[in-house]
């Protein structure tokens, strides 16, 4: 099941894949909070 505004998170993953950004870098990035992308650090662990 996709969550609300999943496109925001999908776009970040697509950008990371295109530019070879590792999951560890996404987890360490200081995301703005509260946002949908702030949960990325929990998704990539």
N, C-alpha and C. Protein backbone atom coordinates (compact mmCIF):
# COMPACT_ATOMS: atom_id res chain seq x y z
N UNK A 1 0.84 -1.16 0.00
CA UNK A 1 0.00 0.00 0.00
C UNK A 1 0.90 1.25 0.00
N UNK A 2 0.61 2.17 -0.88
CA UNK A 2 1.36 3.43 -0.96
C UNK A 2 0.79 4.42 0.06
N UNK A 3 1.65 5.19 0.63
CA UNK A 3 1.19 6.17 1.60
C UNK A 3 0.95 7.51 0.94
N UNK A 4 0.33 8.39 1.67
CA UNK A 4 0.01 9.73 1.18
C UNK A 4 1.30 10.44 0.77
N UNK A 5 1.29 11.09 -0.38
CA UNK A 5 2.44 11.81 -0.93
C UNK A 5 3.67 10.93 -1.13
N UNK A 6 3.45 9.67 -1.50
CA UNK A 6 4.55 8.75 -1.76
C UNK A 6 5.42 9.27 -2.90
N UNK A 7 4.86 10.06 -3.79
CA UNK A 7 5.63 10.58 -4.92
C UNK A 7 6.81 11.43 -4.46
N UNK A 8 6.68 12.11 -3.33
CA UNK A 8 7.77 12.91 -2.80
C UNK A 8 8.96 12.02 -2.44
N UNK A 9 8.69 10.91 -1.80
CA UNK A 9 9.74 9.97 -1.41
C UNK A 9 10.30 9.26 -2.63
N UNK A 10 9.44 8.87 -3.57
CA UNK A 10 9.88 8.18 -4.79
C UNK A 10 10.82 9.08 -5.57
N UNK A 11 10.54 10.37 -5.65
CA UNK A 11 11.41 11.29 -6.38
C UNK A 11 12.80 11.36 -5.74
N UNK A 12 12.87 11.35 -4.43
CA UNK A 12 14.18 11.37 -3.75
C UNK A 12 14.94 10.09 -4.06
N UNK A 13 14.27 8.93 -4.00
CA UNK A 13 14.94 7.68 -4.33
C UNK A 13 15.41 7.66 -5.78
N UNK A 14 14.60 8.17 -6.70
CA UNK A 14 14.99 8.22 -8.11
C UNK A 14 16.21 9.12 -8.30
N UNK A 15 16.24 10.25 -7.64
CA UNK A 15 17.39 11.16 -7.72
C UNK A 15 18.64 10.48 -7.17
N UNK A 16 18.50 9.79 -6.04
CA UNK A 16 19.64 9.09 -5.44
C UNK A 16 20.16 8.00 -6.37
N UNK A 17 19.27 7.26 -6.99
CA UNK A 17 19.69 6.19 -7.90
C UNK A 17 20.40 6.77 -9.12
N UNK A 18 19.87 7.84 -9.68
CA UNK A 18 20.46 8.44 -10.87
C UNK A 18 21.87 8.96 -10.61
N UNK A 19 22.10 9.47 -9.41
CA UNK A 19 23.39 10.08 -9.09
C UNK A 19 24.28 9.20 -8.21
N UNK A 20 23.88 7.94 -8.01
CA UNK A 20 24.69 7.00 -7.27
C UNK A 20 24.86 7.32 -5.79
N UNK A 21 23.85 7.94 -5.21
CA UNK A 21 23.90 8.27 -3.78
C UNK A 21 23.57 7.01 -2.98
N UNK A 22 24.43 6.65 -2.07
CA UNK A 22 24.26 5.43 -1.27
C UNK A 22 23.20 5.62 -0.19
N UNK A 23 22.62 4.50 0.24
CA UNK A 23 21.60 4.51 1.28
C UNK A 23 22.13 5.12 2.58
N UNK A 24 23.40 4.85 2.88
CA UNK A 24 23.98 5.41 4.11
C UNK A 24 24.01 6.94 4.07
N UNK A 25 24.26 7.50 2.89
CA UNK A 25 24.26 8.96 2.74
C UNK A 25 22.85 9.52 2.94
N UNK A 26 21.85 8.81 2.42
CA UNK A 26 20.46 9.25 2.63
C UNK A 26 20.09 9.20 4.10
N UNK A 27 20.57 8.17 4.80
CA UNK A 27 20.25 8.02 6.22
C UNK A 27 20.90 9.11 7.06
N UNK A 28 22.07 9.57 6.64
CA UNK A 28 22.81 10.57 7.41
C UNK A 28 22.42 12.01 7.07
N UNK A 29 21.70 12.22 5.99
CA UNK A 29 21.34 13.56 5.55
C UNK A 29 20.38 14.21 6.55
N UNK A 30 20.58 15.47 6.88
CA UNK A 30 19.69 16.15 7.84
C UNK A 30 18.40 16.62 7.16
N UNK A 31 17.41 15.75 7.07
CA UNK A 31 16.14 16.08 6.43
C UNK A 31 15.34 17.04 7.31
N UNK A 32 14.60 17.92 6.64
CA UNK A 32 13.69 18.81 7.38
C UNK A 32 12.62 17.96 8.06
N UNK A 33 12.20 18.38 9.23
CA UNK A 33 11.21 17.62 9.99
C UNK A 33 10.11 18.56 10.46
N UNK A 34 8.89 18.20 10.39
CA UNK A 34 8.32 16.95 9.88
C UNK A 34 8.01 17.06 8.39
N UNK A 35 8.52 16.15 7.63
CA UNK A 35 8.20 16.02 6.21
C UNK A 35 8.12 14.53 5.90
N UNK A 36 7.62 14.21 4.72
CA UNK A 36 7.56 12.80 4.33
C UNK A 36 8.95 12.24 4.10
N UNK A 37 9.85 13.08 3.60
CA UNK A 37 11.21 12.59 3.36
C UNK A 37 12.02 12.44 4.64
N UNK A 38 11.57 13.02 5.73
CA UNK A 38 12.32 12.86 6.98
C UNK A 38 12.30 11.40 7.46
N UNK A 39 11.37 10.60 6.95
CA UNK A 39 11.30 9.18 7.30
C UNK A 39 12.27 8.32 6.48
N UNK A 40 12.94 8.92 5.50
CA UNK A 40 13.86 8.15 4.66
C UNK A 40 14.94 7.46 5.48
N UNK A 41 15.42 8.11 6.51
CA UNK A 41 16.50 7.51 7.32
C UNK A 41 16.07 6.18 7.92
N UNK A 42 14.77 5.98 8.13
CA UNK A 42 14.29 4.71 8.66
C UNK A 42 14.03 3.69 7.55
N UNK A 43 13.79 4.17 6.34
CA UNK A 43 13.50 3.29 5.22
C UNK A 43 14.75 2.63 4.64
N UNK A 44 15.89 3.28 4.77
CA UNK A 44 17.10 2.77 4.12
C UNK A 44 18.00 1.98 5.06
N UNK A 45 17.66 1.86 6.30
CA UNK A 45 18.49 1.09 7.25
C UNK A 45 18.27 -0.38 7.09
